[in-house]
Amino acid sequence: DIKKIKKELNLEIKEEKEEKVKFI
């Protein structure tokens, strides 16, 4: 659900690879 999570959290992204995201 990473796409939905990205929208939900609305945080700055440091790294992103497929279904894995590192947020600040």
PDB file of all heavy atoms in Angstrom:
ATOM      1  N   ASP A   1       0.822  -1.220   0.000  1.00  0.00           N
ATOM      2  CA  ASP A   1       0.000   0.000   0.000  1.00  0.00           C
ATOM      3  C   ASP A   1       0.852   1.266   0.000  1.00  0.00           C
ATOM      4  O   ASP A   1       0.394   2.328   0.433  1.00  0.00           O
ATOM      5  CB  ASP A   1      -0.902   0.021   1.250  1.00  0.00           C
ATOM      6  CG  ASP A   1      -1.913  -1.111   1.254  1.00  0.00           C
ATOM      7  OD1 ASP A   1      -2.388  -1.486   0.161  1.00  0.00           O
ATOM      8  OD2 ASP A   1      -2.233  -1.611   2.351  1.00  0.00           O
ATOM      9  N   ILE A   2       2.080   1.174  -0.466  1.00  0.00           N
ATOM     10  CA  ILE A   2       3.020   2.282  -0.285  1.00  0.00           C
ATOM     11  C   ILE A   2       2.547   3.570  -0.956  1.00  0.00           C
ATOM     12  O   ILE A   2       2.802   4.671  -0.452  1.00  0.00           O
ATOM     13  CB  ILE A   2       4.437   1.886  -0.789  1.00  0.00           C
ATOM     14  CG1 ILE A   2       5.487   2.837  -0.221  1.00  0.00           C
ATOM     15  CG2 ILE A   2       4.490   1.808  -2.304  1.00  0.00           C
ATOM     16  CD1 ILE A   2       5.643   2.762   1.252  1.00  0.00           C
ATOM     17  N   LYS A   3       1.847   3.459  -2.103  1.00  0.00           N
ATOM     18  CA  LYS A   3       1.350   4.666  -2.771  1.00  0.00           C
ATOM     19  C   LYS A   3       0.337   5.394  -1.899  1.00  0.00           C
ATOM     20  O   LYS A   3       0.345   6.629  -1.782  1.00  0.00           O
ATOM     21  CB  LYS A   3       0.735   4.316  -4.123  1.00  0.00           C
ATOM     22  CG  LYS A   3       1.757   3.860  -5.161  1.00  0.00           C
ATOM     23  CD  LYS A   3       1.096   3.582  -6.505  1.00  0.00           C
ATOM     24  CE  LYS A   3       2.131   3.163  -7.542  1.00  0.00           C
ATOM     25  NZ  LYS A   3       1.502   2.842  -8.866  1.00  0.00           N
ATOM     26  N   LYS A   4      -0.555   4.617  -1.281  1.00  0.00           N
ATOM     27  CA  LYS A   4      -1.561   5.211  -0.393  1.00  0.00           C
ATOM     28  C   LYS A   4      -0.895   5.784   0.864  1.00  0.00           C
ATOM     29  O   LYS A   4      -1.289   6.848   1.362  1.00  0.00           O
ATOM     30  CB  LYS A   4      -2.596   4.154   0.001  1.00  0.00           C
ATOM     31  CG  LYS A   4      -3.428   3.641  -1.155  1.00  0.00           C
ATOM     32  CD  LYS A   4      -4.395   2.560  -0.683  1.00  0.00           C
ATOM     33  CE  LYS A   4      -5.206   2.005  -1.841  1.00  0.00           C
ATOM     34  NZ  LYS A   4      -6.122   0.910  -1.391  1.00  0.00           N
ATOM     35  N   ILE A   5       0.136   5.092   1.372  1.00  0.00           N
ATOM     36  CA  ILE A   5       0.848   5.549   2.568  1.00  0.00           C
ATOM     37  C   ILE A   5       1.567   6.868   2.294  1.00  0.00           C
ATOM     38  O   ILE A   5       1.557   7.785   3.114  1.00  0.00           O
ATOM     39  CB  ILE A   5       1.836   4.460   3.050  1.00  0.00           C
ATOM     40  CG1 ILE A   5       1.069   3.253   3.579  1.00  0.00           C
ATOM     41  CG2 ILE A   5       2.777   5.011   4.126  1.00  0.00           C
ATOM     42  CD1 ILE A   5       1.933   2.046   3.894  1.00  0.00           C
ATOM     43  N   LYS A   6       2.176   6.962   1.130  1.00  0.00           N
ATOM     44  CA  LYS A   6       2.859   8.206   0.760  1.00  0.00           C
ATOM     45  C   LYS A   6       1.885   9.379   0.757  1.00  0.00           C
ATOM     46  O   LYS A   6       2.208  10.474   1.253  1.00  0.00           O
ATOM     47  CB  LYS A   6       3.498   8.063  -0.631  1.00  0.00           C
ATOM     48  CG  LYS A   6       4.765   7.223  -0.641  1.00  0.00           C
ATOM     49  CD  LYS A   6       5.153   6.770  -2.045  1.00  0.00           C
ATOM     50  CE  LYS A   6       5.373   7.923  -2.984  1.00  0.00           C
ATOM     51  NZ  LYS A   6       5.826   7.447  -4.325  1.00  0.00           N
ATOM     52  N   LYS A   7       0.718   9.151   0.229  1.00  0.00           N
ATOM     53  CA  LYS A   7      -0.288  10.213   0.193  1.00  0.00           C
ATOM     54  C   LYS A   7      -0.807  10.530   1.590  1.00  0.00           C
ATOM     55  O   LYS A   7      -1.016  11.690   1.947  1.00  0.00           O
ATOM     56  CB  LYS A   7      -1.440   9.786  -0.721  1.00  0.00           C
ATOM     57  CG  LYS A   7      -2.478  10.867  -0.955  1.00  0.00           C
ATOM     58  CD  LYS A   7      -3.523  10.400  -1.955  1.00  0.00           C
ATOM     59  CE  LYS A   7      -4.560  11.519  -2.187  1.00  0.00           C
ATOM     60  NZ  LYS A   7      -5.591  11.091  -3.173  1.00  0.00           N
ATOM     61  N   GLU A   8      -1.009   9.478   2.386  1.00  0.00           N
ATOM     62  CA  GLU A   8      -1.522   9.652   3.753  1.00  0.00           C
ATOM     63  C   GLU A   8      -0.551  10.426   4.632  1.00  0.00           C
ATOM     64  O   GLU A   8      -0.927  11.357   5.355  1.00  0.00           O
ATOM     65  CB  GLU A   8      -1.791   8.275   4.366  1.00  0.00           C
ATOM     66  CG  GLU A   8      -2.213   8.282   5.826  1.00  0.00           C
ATOM     67  CD  GLU A   8      -3.675   8.658   6.010  1.00  0.00           C
ATOM     68  OE1 GLU A   8      -4.481   8.370   5.104  1.00  0.00           O
ATOM     69  OE2 GLU A   8      -4.001   9.230   7.069  1.00  0.00           O
ATOM     70  N   LEU A   9       0.724  10.059   4.599  1.00  0.00           N
ATOM     71  CA  LEU A   9       1.712  10.678   5.487  1.00  0.00           C
ATOM     72  C   LEU A   9       2.137  12.065   4.994  1.00  0.00           C
ATOM     73  O   LEU A   9       2.422  12.952   5.802  1.00  0.00           O
ATOM     74  CB  LEU A   9       2.948   9.774   5.616  1.00  0.00           C
ATOM     75  CG  LEU A   9       2.717   8.397   6.243  1.00  0.00           C
ATOM     76  CD1 LEU A   9       4.037   7.635   6.342  1.00  0.00           C
ATOM     77  CD2 LEU A   9       2.061   8.515   7.618  1.00  0.00           C
ATOM     78  N   ASN A  10       2.236  12.206   3.684  1.00  0.00           N
ATOM     79  CA  ASN A  10       2.642  13.484   3.087  1.00  0.00           C
ATOM     80  C   ASN A  10       3.956  13.990   3.685  1.00  0.00           C
ATOM     81  O   ASN A  10       4.089  15.159   4.067  1.00  0.00           O
ATOM     82  CB  ASN A  10       1.533  14.536   3.262  1.00  0.00           C
ATOM     83  CG  ASN A  10       1.774  15.775   2.405  1.00  0.00           C
ATOM     84  OD1 ASN A  10       2.383  15.696   1.340  1.00  0.00           O
ATOM     85  ND2 ASN A  10       1.316  16.918   2.888  1.00  0.00           N
ATOM     86  N   LEU A  11       4.916  13.081   3.762  1.00  0.00           N
ATOM     87  CA  LEU A  11       6.227  13.413   4.315  1.00  0.00           C
ATOM     88  C   LEU A  11       7.262  13.521   3.196  1.00  0.00           C
ATOM     89  O   LEU A  11       7.103  12.934   2.125  1.00  0.00           O
ATOM     90  CB  LEU A  11       6.680  12.328   5.301  1.00  0.00           C
ATOM     91  CG  LEU A  11       5.884  12.184   6.603  1.00  0.00           C
ATOM     92  CD1 LEU A  11       6.350  10.921   7.340  1.00  0.00           C
ATOM     93  CD2 LEU A  11       6.045  13.409   7.481  1.00  0.00           C
ATOM     94  N   GLU A  12       8.339  14.251   3.494  1.00  0.00           N
ATOM     95  CA  GLU A  12       9.449  14.328   2.551  1.00  0.00           C
ATOM     96  C   GLU A  12      10.096  12.948   2.413  1.00  0.00           C
ATOM     97  O   GLU A  12      10.272  12.230   3.398  1.00  0.00           O
ATOM     98  CB  GLU A  12      10.492  15.335   3.048  1.00  0.00           C
ATOM     99  CG  GLU A  12      11.675  15.522   2.106  1.00  0.00           C
ATOM    100  CD  GLU A  12      12.687  16.517   2.626  1.00  0.00           C
ATOM    101  OE1 GLU A  12      12.382  17.262   3.594  1.00  0.00           O
ATOM    102  OE2 GLU A  12      13.812  16.553   2.070  1.00  0.00           O
ATOM    103  N   ILE A  13      10.414  12.577   1.193  1.00  0.00           N
ATOM    104  CA  ILE A  13      10.997  11.264   0.914  1.00  0.00           C
ATOM    105  C   ILE A  13      12.507  11.409   0.712  1.00  0.00           C
ATOM    106  O   ILE A  13      12.959  12.235  -0.082  1.00  0.00           O
ATOM    107  CB  ILE A  13      10.347  10.627  -0.325  1.00  0.00           C
ATOM    108  CG1 ILE A  13       8.870  10.324  -0.026  1.00  0.00           C
ATOM    109  CG2 ILE A  13      11.084   9.348  -0.732  1.00  0.00           C
ATOM    110  CD1 ILE A  13       8.089   9.843  -1.229  1.00  0.00           C
ATOM    111  N   LYS A  14      13.265  10.590   1.440  1.00  0.00           N
ATOM    112  CA  LYS A  14      14.723  10.594   1.286  1.00  0.00           C
ATOM    113  C   LYS A  14      15.179   9.578   0.254  1.00  0.00           C
ATOM    114  O   LYS A  14      16.037   9.863  -0.583  1.00  0.00           O
ATOM    115  CB  LYS A  14      15.396  10.303   2.634  1.00  0.00           C
ATOM    116  CG  LYS A  14      16.927  10.363   2.585  1.00  0.00           C
ATOM    117  CD  LYS A  14      17.534  10.239   3.960  1.00  0.00           C
ATOM    118  CE  LYS A  14      19.054  10.221   3.900  1.00  0.00           C
ATOM    119  NZ  LYS A  14      19.623  11.467   3.343  1.00  0.00           N
ATOM    120  N   GLU A  15      14.602   8.371   0.297  1.00  0.00           N
ATOM    121  CA  GLU A  15      14.955   7.314  -0.656  1.00  0.00           C
ATOM    122  C   GLU A  15      13.692   6.544  -1.023  1.00  0.00           C
ATOM    123  O   GLU A  15      12.779   6.400  -0.204  1.00  0.00           O
ATOM    124  CB  GLU A  15      15.976   6.344  -0.047  1.00  0.00           C
ATOM    125  CG  GLU A  15      17.308   6.964   0.310  1.00  0.00           C
ATOM    126  CD  GLU A  15      18.207   6.003   1.067  1.00  0.00           C
ATOM    127  OE1 GLU A  15      17.861   4.812   1.176  1.00  0.00           O
ATOM    128  OE2 GLU A  15      19.252   6.455   1.578  1.00  0.00           O
ATOM    129  N   GLU A  16      13.651   6.032  -2.250  1.00  0.00           N
ATOM    130  CA  GLU A  16      12.477   5.269  -2.696  1.00  0.00           C
ATOM    131  C   GLU A  16      12.912   4.200  -3.684  1.00  0.00           C
ATOM    132  O   GLU A  16      13.676   4.465  -4.613  1.00  0.00           O
ATOM    133  CB  GLU A  16      11.463   6.208  -3.352  1.00  0.00           C
ATOM    134  CG  GLU A  16      10.179   5.537  -3.768  1.00  0.00           C
ATOM    135  CD  GLU A  16       9.124   6.525  -4.247  1.00  0.00           C
ATOM    136  OE1 GLU A  16       9.447   7.732  -4.379  1.00  0.00           O
ATOM    137  OE2 GLU A  16       7.986   6.081  -4.488  1.00  0.00           O
ATOM    138  N   LYS A  17      12.430   2.965  -3.439  1.00  0.00           N
ATOM    139  CA  LYS A  17      12.733   1.864  -4.341  1.00  0.00           C
ATOM    140  C   LYS A  17      11.558   0.894  -4.332  1.00  0.00           C
ATOM    141  O   LYS A  17      11.317   0.202  -3.333  1.00  0.00           O
ATOM    142  CB  LYS A  17      14.019   1.152  -3.901  1.00  0.00           C
ATOM    143  CG  LYS A  17      14.477   0.078  -4.883  1.00  0.00           C
ATOM    144  CD  LYS A  17      15.800  -0.538  -4.435  1.00  0.00           C
ATOM    145  CE  LYS A  17      16.259  -1.592  -5.438  1.00  0.00           C
ATOM    146  NZ  LYS A  17      17.541  -2.224  -5.026  1.00  0.00           N
ATOM    147  N   GLU A  18      10.813   0.899  -5.421  1.00  0.00           N
ATOM    148  CA  GLU A  18       9.642   0.040  -5.598  1.00  0.00           C
ATOM    149  C   GLU A  18       8.670   0.214  -4.429  1.00  0.00           C
ATOM    150  O   GLU A  18       8.125   1.285  -4.232  1.00  0.00           O
ATOM    151  CB  GLU A  18      10.082  -1.411  -5.780  1.00  0.00           C
ATOM    152  CG  GLU A  18      10.926  -1.618  -7.030  1.00  0.00           C
ATOM    153  CD  GLU A  18      11.425  -3.033  -7.183  1.00  0.00           C
ATOM    154  OE1 GLU A  18      11.260  -3.847  -6.241  1.00  0.00           O
ATOM    155  OE2 GLU A  18      11.987  -3.330  -8.259  1.00  0.00           O
ATOM    156  N   GLU A  19       8.486  -0.826  -3.609  1.00  0.00           N
ATOM    157  CA  GLU A  19       7.500  -0.760  -2.526  1.00  0.00           C
ATOM    158  C   GLU A  19       8.119  -0.345  -1.189  1.00  0.00           C
ATOM    159  O   GLU A  19       7.473  -0.431  -0.141  1.00  0.00           O
ATOM    160  CB  GLU A  19       6.806  -2.116  -2.367  1.00  0.00           C
ATOM    161  CG  GLU A  19       5.996  -2.517  -3.588  1.00  0.00           C
ATOM    162  CD  GLU A  19       5.339  -3.874  -3.432  1.00  0.00           C
ATOM    163  OE1 GLU A  19       5.726  -4.608  -2.495  1.00  0.00           O
ATOM    164  OE2 GLU A  19       4.442  -4.195  -4.229  1.00  0.00           O
ATOM    165  N   LYS A  20       9.349   0.096  -1.222  1.00  0.00           N
ATOM    166  CA  LYS A  20      10.057   0.497   0.007  1.00  0.00           C
ATOM    167  C   LYS A  20      10.422   1.979  -0.079  1.00  0.00           C
ATOM    168  O   LYS A  20      11.051   2.416  -1.037  1.00  0.00           O
ATOM    169  CB  LYS A  20      11.319  -0.345   0.185  1.00  0.00           C
ATOM    170  CG  LYS A  20      12.109  -0.045   1.446  1.00  0.00           C
ATOM    171  CD  LYS A  20      13.342  -0.957   1.528  1.00  0.00           C
ATOM    172  CE  LYS A  20      14.181  -0.666   2.758  1.00  0.00           C
ATOM    173  NZ  LYS A  20      15.383  -1.527   2.819  1.00  0.00           N
ATOM    174  N   VAL A  21      10.025   2.738   0.949  1.00  0.00           N
ATOM    175  CA  VAL A  21      10.264   4.181   0.965  1.00  0.00           C
ATOM    176  C   VAL A  21      10.853   4.593   2.314  1.00  0.00           C
ATOM    177  O   VAL A  21      10.391   4.128   3.368  1.00  0.00           O
ATOM    178  CB  VAL A  21       8.954   4.972   0.704  1.00  0.00           C
ATOM    179  CG1 VAL A  21       9.207   6.478   0.820  1.00  0.00           C
ATOM    180  CG2 VAL A  21       8.389   4.644  -0.666  1.00  0.00           C
ATOM    181  N   LYS A  22      11.863   5.443   2.245  1.00  0.00           N
ATOM    182  CA  LYS A  22      12.457   6.014   3.457  1.00  0.00           C
ATOM    183  C   LYS A  22      12.017   7.471   3.551  1.00  0.00           C
ATOM    184  O   LYS A  22      12.382   8.301   2.713  1.00  0.00           O
ATOM    185  CB  LYS A  22      13.979   5.919   3.410  1.00  0.00           C
ATOM    186  CG  LYS A  22      14.672   6.342   4.700  1.00  0.00           C
ATOM    187  CD  LYS A  22      16.176   6.051   4.620  1.00  0.00           C
ATOM    188  CE  LYS A  22      16.865   6.322   5.957  1.00  0.00           C
ATOM    189  NZ  LYS A  22      18.317   5.977   5.902  1.00  0.00           N
ATOM    190  N   PHE A  23      11.222   7.773   4.585  1.00  0.00           N
ATOM    191  CA  PHE A  23      10.678   9.112   4.795  1.00  0.00           C
ATOM    192  C   PHE A  23      11.515   9.887   5.810  1.00  0.00           C
ATOM    193  O   PHE A  23      12.164   9.301   6.683  1.00  0.00           O
ATOM    194  CB  PHE A  23       9.244   9.040   5.342  1.00  0.00           C
ATOM    195  CG  PHE A  23       8.259   8.343   4.454  1.00  0.00           C
ATOM    196  CD1 PHE A  23       7.980   6.992   4.625  1.00  0.00           C
ATOM    197  CD2 PHE A  23       7.594   9.036   3.444  1.00  0.00           C
ATOM    198  CE1 PHE A  23       7.057   6.340   3.813  1.00  0.00           C
ATOM    199  CE2 PHE A  23       6.663   8.398   2.633  1.00  0.00           C
ATOM    200  CZ  PHE A  23       6.394   7.040   2.814  1.00  0.00           C
ATOM    201  N   ILE A  24      11.463  11.197   5.726  1.00  0.00           N
ATOM    202  CA  ILE A  24      11.965  12.064   6.791  1.00  0.00           C
ATOM    203  C   ILE A  24      10.755  12.434   7.630  1.00  0.00           C
ATOM    204  O   ILE A  24       9.873  13.173   7.197  1.00  0.00           O
ATOM    205  CB  ILE A  24      12.652  13.314   6.207  1.00  0.00           C
ATOM    206  CG1 ILE A  24      13.855  12.907   5.365  1.00  0.00           C
ATOM    207  CG2 ILE A  24      13.092  14.249   7.332  1.00  0.00           C
ATOM    208  CD1 ILE A  24      14.539  14.055   4.654  1.00  0.00           C
TER     209      ILE A  24
END
